[in-house]
Amino acid sequence: MKYIDKKIEEPRTGASASYHVVSGLQTEYTSGNTFVTISSYVSKDKKDEGKESLSINTFTIPGVPGWDVIPYEWALSELVKAQPDDFVPEAYMGYVNPYMFAGGKVKDAD
């Protein structure tokens, strides 16, 4: 299974997570949107030890994967795309930047 490798500070606790996996995926071909839930862990080792995720966030991706691709791999590749230059993040408690994984690397889990 693939994951996103990017060190991110969890805003509520200040702890760092670097292992981000798909924990849920819904593709709506009628509406043309994909909803992906990502669980973020301190590391793969900690997840494998049974530790809980630091955060769980759901993202809406405009678009849907083609029938010839693996949906969760497509979703990960969409989440690591660069943040557009004209994007302005919201500024309120609990806001989750949809580009928080921009610049991350999609890797294969061992």
PDB file of N, CA and C in Angstrom:
ATOM      1  N   MET A   1       0.849  -1.177   0.000  1.00  0.00           N
ATOM      2  CA  MET A   1       0.000   0.000   0.000  1.00  0.00           C
ATOM      3  C   MET A   1       0.894   1.240   0.000  1.00  0.00           C
ATOM      4  N   LYS A   2       0.436   2.267  -0.628  1.00  0.00           N
ATOM      5  CA  LYS A   2       1.214   3.499  -0.722  1.00  0.00           C
ATOM      6  C   LYS A   2       0.803   4.481   0.372  1.00  0.00           C
ATOM      7  N   TYR A   3       1.681   5.445   0.607  1.00  0.00           N
ATOM      8  CA  TYR A   3       1.435   6.468   1.620  1.00  0.00           C
ATOM      9  C   TYR A   3       2.118   7.758   1.187  1.00  0.00           C
ATOM     10  N   ILE A   4       1.784   8.849   1.880  1.00  0.00           N
ATOM     11  CA  ILE A   4       2.452  10.126   1.644  1.00  0.00           C
ATOM     12  C   ILE A   4       3.504  10.306   2.733  1.00  0.00           C
ATOM     13  N   ASP A   5       4.707  10.634   2.293  1.00  0.00           N
ATOM     14  CA  ASP A   5       5.811  10.917   3.203  1.00  0.00           C
ATOM     15  C   ASP A   5       6.046  12.424   3.211  1.00  0.00           C
ATOM     16  N   LYS A   6       5.634  13.066   4.306  1.00  0.00           N
ATOM     17  CA  LYS A   6       5.876  14.502   4.469  1.00  0.00           C
ATOM     18  C   LYS A   6       5.712  14.832   5.946  1.00  0.00           C
ATOM     19  N   LYS A   7       6.679  15.520   6.499  1.00  0.00           N
ATOM     20  CA  LYS A   7       6.612  15.919   7.901  1.00  0.00           C
ATOM     21  C   LYS A   7       5.675  17.120   8.032  1.00  0.00           C
ATOM     22  N   ILE A   8       4.650  16.951   8.848  1.00  0.00           N
ATOM     23  CA  ILE A   8       3.651  17.991   9.064  1.00  0.00           C
ATOM     24  C   ILE A   8       3.423  18.140  10.553  1.00  0.00           C
ATOM     25  N   GLU A   9       3.355  19.382  11.015  1.00  0.00           N
ATOM     26  CA  GLU A   9       3.050  19.623  12.421  1.00  0.00           C
ATOM     27  C   GLU A   9       1.545  19.621  12.612  1.00  0.00           C
ATOM     28  N   GLU A  10       1.082  18.796  13.535  1.00  0.00           N
ATOM     29  CA  GLU A  10      -0.333  18.727  13.859  1.00  0.00           C
ATOM     30  C   GLU A  10      -0.683  19.989  14.649  1.00  0.00           C
ATOM     31  N   PRO A  11      -1.584  20.832  14.128  1.00  0.00           N
ATOM     32  CA  PRO A  11      -1.809  22.152  14.723  1.00  0.00           C
ATOM     33  C   PRO A  11      -2.348  22.147  16.148  1.00  0.00           C
ATOM     34  N   ARG A  12      -3.107  21.147  16.537  1.00  0.00           N
ATOM     35  CA  ARG A  12      -3.693  21.138  17.886  1.00  0.00           C
ATOM     36  C   ARG A  12      -2.679  20.774  18.962  1.00  0.00           C
ATOM     37  N   THR A  13      -1.698  19.908  18.609  1.00  0.00           N
ATOM     38  CA  THR A  13      -0.770  19.411  19.630  1.00  0.00           C
ATOM     39  C   THR A  13       0.672  19.847  19.417  1.00  0.00           C
ATOM     40  N   GLY A  14       1.015  20.218  18.191  1.00  0.00           N
ATOM     41  CA  GLY A  14       2.396  20.561  17.873  1.00  0.00           C
ATOM     42  C   GLY A  14       3.254  19.348  17.573  1.00  0.00           C
ATOM     43  N   ALA A  15       2.674  18.154  17.658  1.00  0.00           N
ATOM     44  CA  ALA A  15       3.410  16.925  17.340  1.00  0.00           C
ATOM     45  C   ALA A  15       3.575  16.798  15.834  1.00  0.00           C
ATOM     46  N   SER A  16       4.632  16.120  15.412  1.00  0.00           N
ATOM     47  CA  SER A  16       4.902  15.941  13.980  1.00  0.00           C
ATOM     48  C   SER A  16       4.451  14.568  13.505  1.00  0.00           C
ATOM     49  N   ALA A  17       3.825  14.564  12.345  1.00  0.00           N
ATOM     50  CA  ALA A  17       3.415  13.329  11.680  1.00  0.00           C
ATOM     51  C   ALA A  17       4.104  13.283  10.326  1.00  0.00           C
ATOM     52  N   SER A  18       4.589  12.113   9.951  1.00  0.00           N
ATOM     53  CA  SER A  18       5.262  12.004   8.650  1.00  0.00           C
ATOM     54  C   SER A  18       4.768  10.827   7.816  1.00  0.00           C
ATOM     55  N   TYR A  19       3.822  10.066   8.328  1.00  0.00           N
ATOM     56  CA  TYR A  19       3.302   8.886   7.631  1.00  0.00           C
ATOM     57  C   TYR A  19       1.793   9.058   7.494  1.00  0.00           C
ATOM     58  N   HIS A  20       1.321   9.253   6.250  1.00  0.00           N
ATOM     59  CA  HIS A  20      -0.078   9.600   5.992  1.00  0.00           C
ATOM     60  C   HIS A  20      -0.686   8.569   5.048  1.00  0.00           C
ATOM     61  N   VAL A  21      -1.748   7.896   5.505  1.00  0.00           N
ATOM     62  CA  VAL A  21      -2.349   6.815   4.723  1.00  0.00           C
ATOM     63  C   VAL A  21      -3.826   7.069   4.465  1.00  0.00           C
ATOM     64  N   VAL A  22      -4.311   6.499   3.377  1.00  0.00           N
ATOM     65  CA  VAL A  22      -5.735   6.569   3.058  1.00  0.00           C
ATOM     66  C   VAL A  22      -6.476   5.646   4.019  1.00  0.00           C
ATOM     67  N   SER A  23      -7.441   6.209   4.742  1.00  0.00           N
ATOM     68  CA  SER A  23      -8.273   5.381   5.611  1.00  0.00           C
ATOM     69  C   SER A  23      -9.717   5.313   5.118  1.00  0.00           C
ATOM     70  N   GLY A  24     -10.034   6.115   4.121  1.00  0.00           N
ATOM     71  CA  GLY A  24     -11.361   6.082   3.521  1.00  0.00           C
ATOM     72  C   GLY A  24     -11.341   6.755   2.159  1.00  0.00           C
ATOM     73  N   LEU A  25     -12.168   6.257   1.261  1.00  0.00           N
ATOM     74  CA  LEU A  25     -12.203   6.820  -0.097  1.00  0.00           C
ATOM     75  C   LEU A  25     -13.597   6.636  -0.671  1.00  0.00           C
ATOM     76  N   GLN A  26     -14.149   7.723  -1.179  1.00  0.00           N
ATOM     77  CA  GLN A  26     -15.452   7.666  -1.834  1.00  0.00           C
ATOM     78  C   GLN A  26     -15.345   8.417  -3.149  1.00  0.00           C
ATOM     79  N   THR A  27     -15.704   7.753  -4.214  1.00  0.00           N
ATOM     80  CA  THR A  27     -15.667   8.369  -5.533  1.00  0.00           C
ATOM     81  C   THR A  27     -17.087   8.494  -6.051  1.00  0.00           C
ATOM     82  N   GLU A  28     -17.468   9.714  -6.413  1.00  0.00           N
ATOM     83  CA  GLU A  28     -18.807   9.962  -6.936  1.00  0.00           C
ATOM     84  C   GLU A  28     -18.691  10.389  -8.395  1.00  0.00           C
ATOM     85  N   TYR A  29     -18.879   9.439  -9.275  1.00  0.00           N
ATOM     86  CA  TYR A  29     -18.745   9.724 -10.698  1.00  0.00           C
ATOM     87  C   TYR A  29     -19.863  10.635 -11.201  1.00  0.00           C
ATOM     88  N   THR A  30     -21.017  10.618 -10.540  1.00  0.00           N
ATOM     89  CA  THR A  30     -22.117  11.490 -10.953  1.00  0.00           C
ATOM     90  C   THR A  30     -21.796  12.953 -10.685  1.00  0.00           C
ATOM     91  N   SER A  31     -21.284  13.243  -9.485  1.00  0.00           N
ATOM     92  CA  SER A  31     -20.964  14.635  -9.130  1.00  0.00           C
ATOM     93  C   SER A  31     -19.579  15.046  -9.618  1.00  0.00           C
ATOM     94  N   GLY A  32     -18.726  14.050  -9.905  1.00  0.00           N
ATOM     95  CA  GLY A  32     -17.379  14.356 -10.371  1.00  0.00           C
ATOM     96  C   GLY A  32     -16.415  14.716  -9.261  1.00  0.00           C
ATOM     97  N   ASN A  33     -16.682  14.246  -8.043  1.00  0.00           N
ATOM     98  CA  ASN A  33     -15.810  14.527  -6.910  1.00  0.00           C
ATOM     99  C   ASN A  33     -15.344  13.242  -6.240  1.00  0.00           C
ATOM    100  N   THR A  34     -14.169  13.334  -5.628  1.00  0.00           N
ATOM    101  CA  THR A  34     -13.632  12.237  -4.840  1.00  0.00           C
ATOM    102  C   THR A  34     -13.388  12.748  -3.437  1.00  0.00           C
ATOM    103  N   PHE A  35     -13.777  11.958  -2.445  1.00  0.00           N
ATOM    104  CA  PHE A  35     -13.586  12.309  -1.040  1.00  0.00           C
ATOM    105  C   PHE A  35     -12.607  11.294  -0.453  1.00  0.00           C
ATOM    106  N   VAL A  36     -11.499  11.795   0.072  1.00  0.00           N
ATOM    107  CA  VAL A  36     -10.479  10.907   0.622  1.00  0.00           C
ATOM    108  C   VAL A  36     -10.180  11.308   2.058  1.00  0.00           C
ATOM    109  N   THR A  37     -10.163  10.311   2.930  1.00  0.00           N
ATOM    110  CA  THR A  37      -9.848  10.526   4.332  1.00  0.00           C
ATOM    111  C   THR A  37      -8.434  10.015   4.579  1.00  0.00           C
ATOM    112  N   ILE A  38      -7.619  10.873   5.170  1.00  0.00           N
ATOM    113  CA  ILE A  38      -6.214  10.559   5.437  1.00  0.00           C
ATOM    114  C   ILE A  38      -5.985  10.507   6.943  1.00  0.00           C
ATOM    115  N   SER A  39      -5.378   9.412   7.397  1.00  0.00           N
ATOM    116  CA  SER A  39      -4.953   9.277   8.785  1.00  0.00           C
ATOM    117  C   SER A  39      -3.459   9.550   8.838  1.00  0.00           C
ATOM    118  N   SER A  40      -3.049  10.426   9.736  1.00  0.00           N
ATOM    119  CA  SER A  40      -1.644  10.831   9.848  1.00  0.00           C
ATOM    120  C   SER A  40      -1.038  10.293  11.141  1.00  0.00           C
ATOM    121  N   TYR A  41       0.108   9.629  10.999  1.00  0.00           N
ATOM    122  CA  TYR A  41       0.800   8.997  12.119  1.00  0.00           C
ATOM    123  C   TYR A  41       2.187   9.601  12.290  1.00  0.00           C
ATOM    124  N   VAL A  42       2.732   9.469  13.493  1.00  0.00           N
ATOM    125  CA  VAL A  42       4.089   9.934  13.757  1.00  0.00           C
ATOM    126  C   VAL A  42       5.043   9.281  12.761  1.00  0.00           C
ATOM    127  N   SER A  43       4.904   7.973  12.568  1.00  0.00           N
ATOM    128  CA  SER A  43       5.763   7.226  11.642  1.00  0.00           C
ATOM    129  C   SER A  43       5.092   5.898  11.321  1.00  0.00           C
ATOM    130  N   LYS A  44       5.613   5.202  10.323  1.00  0.00           N
ATOM    131  CA  LYS A  44       5.118   3.866   9.987  1.00  0.00           C
ATOM    132  C   LYS A  44       5.348   2.916  11.158  1.00  0.00           C
ATOM    133  N   ASP A  45       6.514   3.022  11.785  1.00  0.00           N
ATOM    134  CA  ASP A  45       6.821   2.160  12.925  1.00  0.00           C
ATOM    135  C   ASP A  45       5.780   2.316  14.032  1.00  0.00           C
ATOM    136  N   LYS A  46       5.402   3.552  14.330  1.00  0.00           N
ATOM    137  CA  LYS A  46       4.418   3.785  15.390  1.00  0.00           C
ATOM    138  C   LYS A  46       3.047   3.243  14.999  1.00  0.00           C
ATOM    139  N   LYS A  47       2.679   3.401  13.732  1.00  0.00           N
ATOM    140  CA  LYS A  47       1.405   2.823  13.271  1.00  0.00           C
ATOM    141  C   LYS A  47       1.444   1.313  13.421  1.00  0.00           C
ATOM    142  N   ASP A  48       2.560   0.699  12.997  1.00  0.00           N
ATOM    143  CA  ASP A  48       2.709  -0.753  13.092  1.00  0.00           C
ATOM    144  C   ASP A  48       2.682  -1.243  14.539  1.00  0.00           C
ATOM    145  N   GLU A  49       3.089  -0.371  15.479  1.00  0.00           N
ATOM    146  CA  GLU A  49       3.036  -0.711  16.907  1.00  0.00           C
ATOM    147  C   GLU A  49       1.619  -0.596  17.464  1.00  0.00           C
ATOM    148  N   GLY A  50       0.690  -0.111  16.635  1.00  0.00           N
ATOM    149  CA  GLY A  50      -0.696   0.024  17.067  1.00  0.00           C
ATOM    150  C   GLY A  50      -1.039   1.370  17.665  1.00  0.00           C
ATOM    151  N   LYS A  51      -0.141   2.348  17.515  1.00  0.00           N
ATOM    152  CA  LYS A  51      -0.421   3.691  18.033  1.00  0.00           C
ATOM    153  C   LYS A  51      -1.512   4.348  17.190  1.00  0.00           C
ATOM    154  N   GLU A  52      -2.268   5.226  17.816  1.00  0.00           N
ATOM    155  CA  GLU A  52      -3.340   5.920  17.108  1.00  0.00           C
ATOM    156  C   GLU A  52      -2.786   7.032  16.230  1.00  0.00           C
ATOM    157  N   SER A  53      -3.579   7.413  15.243  1.00  0.00           N
ATOM    158  CA  SER A  53      -3.183   8.527  14.380  1.00  0.00           C
ATOM    159  C   SER A  53      -3.254   9.831  15.174  1.00  0.00           C
ATOM    160  N   LEU A  54      -2.404  10.790  14.761  1.00  0.00           N
ATOM    161  CA  LEU A  54      -2.441  12.123  15.388  1.00  0.00           C
ATOM    162  C   LEU A  54      -3.633  12.920  14.896  1.00  0.00           C
ATOM    163  N   SER A  55      -3.994  12.696  13.630  1.00  0.00           N
ATOM    164  CA  SER A  55      -5.128  13.413  13.063  1.00  0.00           C
ATOM    165  C   SER A  55      -5.738  12.600  11.933  1.00  0.00           C
ATOM    166  N   ILE A  56      -6.995  12.908  11.673  1.00  0.00           N
ATOM    167  CA  ILE A  56      -7.727  12.311  10.556  1.00  0.00           C
ATOM    168  C   ILE A  56      -8.444  13.457   9.865  1.00  0.00           C
ATOM    169  N   ASN A  57      -8.189  13.619   8.561  1.00  0.00           N
ATOM    170  CA  ASN A  57      -8.797  14.709   7.806  1.00  0.00           C
ATOM    171  C   ASN A  57      -9.393  14.175   6.511  1.00  0.00           C
ATOM    172  N   THR A  58     -10.515  14.754   6.107  1.00  0.00           N
ATOM    173  CA  THR A  58     -11.154  14.381   4.847  1.00  0.00           C
ATOM    174  C   THR A  58     -11.028  15.535   3.866  1.00  0.00           C
ATOM    175  N   PHE A  59     -10.646  15.201   2.646  1.00  0.00           N
ATOM    176  CA  PHE A  59     -10.426  16.182   1.589  1.00  0.00           C
ATOM    177  C   PHE A  59     -11.357  15.899   0.420  1.00  0.00           C
ATOM    178  N   THR A  60     -11.852  16.963  -0.204  1.00  0.00           N
ATOM    179  CA  THR A  60     -12.638  16.838  -1.426  1.00  0.00           C
ATOM    180  C   THR A  60     -11.725  17.147  -2.596  1.00  0.00           C
ATOM    181  N   ILE A  61     -11.618  16.210  -3.506  1.00  0.00           N
ATOM    182  CA  ILE A  61     -10.799  16.400  -4.708  1.00  0.00           C
ATOM    183  C   ILE A  61     -11.748  16.567  -5.886  1.00  0.00           C
ATOM    184  N   PRO A  62     -11.686  17.720  -6.566  1.00  0.00           N
ATOM    185  CA  PRO A  62     -12.513  17.864  -7.755  1.00  0.00           C
ATOM    186  C   PRO A  62     -11.974  16.944  -8.840  1.00  0.00           C
ATOM    187  N   GLY A  63     -12.812  16.068  -9.322  1.00  0.00           N
ATOM    188  CA  GLY A  63     -12.398  15.096 -10.326  1.00  0.00           C
ATOM    189  C   GLY A  63     -12.501  13.688  -9.780  1.00  0.00           C
ATOM    190  N   VAL A  64     -12.426  12.742 -10.684  1.00  0.00           N
ATOM    191  CA  VAL A  64     -12.493  11.328 -10.319  1.00  0.00           C
ATOM    192  C   VAL A  64     -11.424  10.566 -11.096  1.00  0.00           C
ATOM    193  N   PRO A  65     -10.964   9.449 -10.525  1.00  0.00           N
ATOM    194  CA  PRO A  65      -9.959   8.669 -11.250  1.00  0.00           C
ATOM    195  C   PRO A  65     -10.582   7.961 -12.453  1.00  0.00           C
ATOM    196  N   GLY A  66      -9.755   7.721 -13.452  1.00  0.00           N
ATOM    197  CA  GLY A  66     -10.219   6.940 -14.595  1.00  0.00           C
ATOM    198  C   GLY A  66     -10.411   5.486 -14.181  1.00  0.00           C
ATOM    199  N   TRP A  67     -11.086   4.744 -15.011  1.00  0.00           N
ATOM    200  CA  TRP A  67     -11.375   3.344 -14.707  1.00  0.00           C
ATOM    201  C   TRP A  67     -10.115   2.478 -14.763  1.00  0.00           C
ATOM    202  N   ASP A  68      -9.050   2.999 -15.350  1.00  0.00           N
ATOM    203  CA  ASP A  68      -7.832   2.213 -15.547  1.00  0.00           C
ATOM    204  C   ASP A  68      -6.769   2.451 -14.478  1.00  0.00           C
ATOM    205  N   VAL A  69      -7.107   3.185 -13.396  1.00  0.00           N
ATOM    206  CA  VAL A  69      -6.130   3.466 -12.338  1.00  0.00           C
ATOM    207  C   VAL A  69      -6.658   2.975 -10.993  1.00  0.00           C
ATOM    208  N   ILE A  70      -5.748   2.836 -10.056  1.00  0.00           N
ATOM    209  CA  ILE A  70      -6.126   2.449  -8.693  1.00  0.00           C
ATOM    210  C   ILE A  70      -6.567   3.720  -7.972  1.00  0.00           C
ATOM    211  N   PRO A  71      -7.829   3.797  -7.541  1.00  0.00           N
ATOM    212  CA  PRO A  71      -8.353   5.056  -6.985  1.00  0.00           C
ATOM    213  C   PRO A  71      -7.544   5.647  -5.835  1.00  0.00           C
ATOM    214  N   TYR A  72      -7.094   4.851  -4.873  1.00  0.00           N
ATOM    215  CA  TYR A  72      -6.379   5.438  -3.740  1.00  0.00           C
ATOM    216  C   TYR A  72      -5.017   5.974  -4.168  1.00  0.00           C
ATOM    217  N   GLU A  73      -4.376   5.342  -5.153  1.00  0.00           N
ATOM    218  CA  GLU A  73      -3.100   5.862  -5.653  1.00  0.00           C
ATOM    219  C   GLU A  73      -3.325   7.183  -6.384  1.00  0.00           C
ATOM    220  N   TRP A  74      -4.391   7.264  -7.152  1.00  0.00           N
ATOM    221  CA  TRP A  74      -4.736   8.509  -7.847  1.00  0.00           C
ATOM    222  C   TRP A  74      -4.986   9.621  -6.831  1.00  0.00           C
ATOM    223  N   ALA A  75      -5.734   9.312  -5.762  1.00  0.00           N
ATOM    224  CA  ALA A  75      -6.043  10.320  -4.738  1.00  0.00           C
ATOM    225  C   ALA A  75      -4.771  10.828  -4.068  1.00  0.00           C
ATOM    226  N   LEU A  76      -3.855   9.932  -3.740  1.00  0.00           N
ATOM    227  CA  LEU A  76      -2.589  10.359  -3.131  1.00  0.00           C
ATOM    228  C   LEU A  76      -1.820  11.282  -4.065  1.00  0.00           C
ATOM    229  N   SER A  77      -1.783  10.929  -5.344  1.00  0.00           N
ATOM    230  CA  SER A  77      -1.041  11.766  -6.301  1.00  0.00           C
ATOM    231  C   SER A  77      -1.685  13.145  -6.448  1.00  0.00           C
ATOM    232  N   GLU A  78      -2.998  13.227  -6.305  1.00  0.00           N
ATOM    233  CA  GLU A  78      -3.681  14.523  -6.349  1.00  0.00           C
ATOM    234  C   GLU A  78      -3.349  15.360  -5.108  1.00  0.00           C
ATOM    235  N   LEU A  79      -3.253  14.720  -3.956  1.00  0.00           N
ATOM    236  CA  LEU A  79      -3.014  15.449  -2.703  1.00  0.00           C
ATOM    237  C   LEU A  79      -1.615  16.045  -2.606  1.00  0.00           C
ATOM    238  N   VAL A  80      -0.648  15.501  -3.321  1.00  0.00           N
ATOM    239  CA  VAL A  80       0.723  16.035  -3.224  1.00  0.00           C
ATOM    240  C   VAL A  80       1.020  17.083  -4.300  1.00  0.00           C
ATOM    241  N   LYS A  81       0.033  17.408  -5.117  1.00  0.00           N
ATOM    242  CA  LYS A  81       0.250  18.433  -6.139  1.00  0.00           C
ATOM    243  C   LYS A  81       0.527  19.790  -5.493  1.00  0.00           C
ATOM    244  N   ALA A  82       1.240  20.624  -6.227  1.00  0.00           N
ATOM    245  CA  ALA A  82       1.629  21.955  -5.723  1.00  0.00           C
ATOM    246  C   ALA A  82       0.412  22.836  -5.457  1.00  0.00           C
ATOM    247  N   GLN A  83       0.539  23.651  -4.427  1.00  0.00           N
ATOM    248  CA  GLN A  83      -0.494  24.639  -4.119  1.00  0.00           C
ATOM    249  C   GLN A  83      -0.445  25.736  -5.171  1.00  0.00           C
ATOM    250  N   PRO A  84      -1.585  26.104  -5.768  1.00  0.00           N
ATOM    251  CA  PRO A  84      -1.587  27.181  -6.764  1.00  0.00           C
ATOM    252  C   PRO A  84      -1.104  28.501  -6.155  1.00  0.00           C
ATOM    253  N   ASP A  85      -0.436  29.300  -6.952  1.00  0.00           N
ATOM    254  CA  ASP A  85       0.097  30.581  -6.487  1.00  0.00           C
ATOM    255  C   ASP A  85      -0.983  31.518  -5.955  1.00  0.00           C
ATOM    256  N   ASP A  86      -2.189  31.436  -6.527  1.00  0.00           N
ATOM    257  CA  ASP A  86      -3.254  32.354  -6.121  1.00  0.00           C
ATOM    258  C   ASP A  86      -4.125  31.803  -4.990  1.00  0.00           C
ATOM    259  N   PHE A  87      -3.760  30.658  -4.440  1.00  0.00           N
ATOM    260  CA  PHE A  87      -4.545  30.068  -3.351  1.00  0.00           C
ATOM    261  C   PHE A  87      -4.295  30.827  -2.049  1.00  0.00           C
ATOM    262  N   VAL A  88      -5.375  31.176  -1.359  1.00  0.00           N
ATOM    263  CA  VAL A  88      -5.272  31.857  -0.071  1.00  0.00           C
ATOM    264  C   VAL A  88      -5.969  30.978   0.970  1.00  0.00           C
ATOM    265  N   PRO A  89      -5.195  30.418   1.907  1.00  0.00           N
ATOM    266  CA  PRO A  89      -5.822  29.564   2.927  1.00  0.00           C
ATOM    267  C   PRO A  89      -6.738  30.355   3.854  1.00  0.00           C
ATOM    268  N   GLU A  90      -7.744  29.679   4.352  1.00  0.00           N
ATOM    269  CA  GLU A  90      -8.655  30.289   5.328  1.00  0.00           C
ATOM    270  C   GLU A  90      -7.900  30.494   6.647  1.00  0.00           C
ATOM    271  N   ALA A  91      -8.453  31.297   7.513  1.00  0.00           N
ATOM    272  CA  ALA A  91      -7.801  31.554   8.799  1.00  0.00           C
ATOM    273  C   ALA A  91      -8.814  31.435   9.929  1.00  0.00           C
ATOM    274  N   TYR A  92      -9.222  30.202  10.241  1.00  0.00           N
ATOM    275  CA  TYR A  92     -10.105  29.980  11.376  1.00  0.00           C
ATOM    276  C   TYR A  92      -9.724  28.663  12.052  1.00  0.00           C
ATOM    277  N   MET A  93     -10.050  28.538  13.312  1.00  0.00           N
ATOM    278  CA  MET A  93      -9.718  27.366  14.108  1.00  0.00           C
ATOM    279  C   MET A  93     -10.351  26.124  13.483  1.00  0.00           C
ATOM    280  N   GLY A  94      -9.550  25.110  13.282  1.00  0.00           N
ATOM    281  CA  GLY A  94     -10.050  23.864  12.716  1.00  0.00           C
ATOM    282  C   GLY A  94      -9.935  23.764  11.207  1.00  0.00           C
ATOM    283  N   TYR A  95      -9.510  24.851  10.556  1.00  0.00           N
ATOM    284  CA  TYR A  95      -9.359  24.822   9.094  1.00  0.00           C
ATOM    285  C   TYR A  95      -8.267  23.836   8.702  1.00  0.00           C
ATOM    286  N   VAL A  96      -8.530  23.076   7.648  1.00  0.00           N
ATOM    287  CA  VAL A  96      -7.553  22.131   7.115  1.00  0.00           C
ATOM    288  C   VAL A  96      -7.213  22.564   5.694  1.00  0.00           C
ATOM    289  N   ASN A  97      -5.966  22.937   5.489  1.00  0.00           N
ATOM    290  CA  ASN A  97      -5.513  23.371   4.168  1.00  0.00           C
ATOM    291  C   ASN A  97      -5.545  22.173   3.217  1.00  0.00           C
ATOM    292  N   PRO A  98      -6.294  22.256   2.120  1.00  0.00           N
ATOM    293  CA  PRO A  98      -6.368  21.124   1.190  1.00  0.00           C
ATOM    294  C   PRO A  98      -5.034  20.837   0.494  1.00  0.00           C
ATOM    295  N   TYR A  99      -4.080  21.735   0.638  1.00  0.00           N
ATOM    296  CA  TYR A  99      -2.756  21.546   0.028  1.00  0.00           C
ATOM    297  C   TYR A  99      -1.690  21.211   1.085  1.00  0.00           C
ATOM    298  N   MET A 100      -2.110  20.738   2.239  1.00  0.00           N
ATOM    299  CA  MET A 100      -1.151  20.457   3.308  1.00  0.00           C
ATOM    300  C   MET A 100      -0.125  19.397   2.929  1.00  0.00           C
ATOM    301  N   PHE A 101      -0.440  18.539   1.951  1.00  0.00           N
ATOM    302  CA  PHE A 101       0.499  17.503   1.534  1.00  0.00           C
ATOM    303  C   PHE A 101       1.287  17.883   0.276  1.00  0.00           C
ATOM    304  N   ALA A 102       1.098  19.112  -0.200  1.00  0.00           N
ATOM    305  CA  ALA A 102       1.804  19.569  -1.408  1.00  0.00           C
ATOM    306  C   ALA A 102       3.305  19.390  -1.213  1.00  0.00           C
ATOM    307  N   GLY A 103       3.948  18.822  -2.208  1.00  0.00           N
ATOM    308  CA  GLY A 103       5.386  18.598  -2.142  1.00  0.00           C
ATOM    309  C   GLY A 103       5.778  17.318  -1.445  1.00  0.00           C
ATOM    310  N   GLY A 104       4.806  16.612  -0.882  1.00  0.00           N
ATOM    311  CA  GLY A 104       5.088  15.316  -0.260  1.00  0.00           C
ATOM    312  C   GLY A 104       5.420  14.283  -1.326  1.00  0.00           C
ATOM    313  N   LYS A 105       5.930  13.162  -0.886  1.00  0.00           N
ATOM    314  CA  LYS A 105       6.299  12.068  -1.797  1.00  0.00           C
ATOM    315  C   LYS A 105       5.378  10.877  -1.554  1.00  0.00           C
ATOM    316  N   VAL A 106       4.837  10.332  -2.636  1.00  0.00           N
ATOM    317  CA  VAL A 106       4.052   9.103  -2.550  1.00  0.00           C
ATOM    318  C   VAL A 106       5.037   7.951  -2.628  1.00  0.00           C
ATOM    319  N   LYS A 107       5.005   7.085  -1.607  1.00  0.00           N
ATOM    320  CA  LYS A 107       5.950   5.974  -1.520  1.00  0.00           C
ATOM    321  C   LYS A 107       5.215   4.667  -1.258  1.00  0.00           C
ATOM    322  N   ASP A 108       5.914   3.567  -1.539  1.00  0.00           N
ATOM    323  CA  ASP A 108       5.397   2.239  -1.219  1.00  0.00           C
ATOM    324  C   ASP A 108       5.753   1.890   0.213  1.00  0.00           C
ATOM    325  N   ALA A 109       4.769   1.372   0.958  1.00  0.00           N
ATOM    326  CA  ALA A 109       5.051   0.890   2.316  1.00  0.00           C
ATOM    327  C   ALA A 109       5.807  -0.439   2.194  1.00  0.00           C
ATOM    328  N   ASP A 110       6.709  -0.674   3.122  1.00  0.00           N
ATOM    329  CA  ASP A 110       7.469  -1.918   3.098  1.00  0.00           C
ATOM    330  C   ASP A 110       6.635  -3.086   3.548  1.00  0.00           C
TER     331      ASP A 110
END
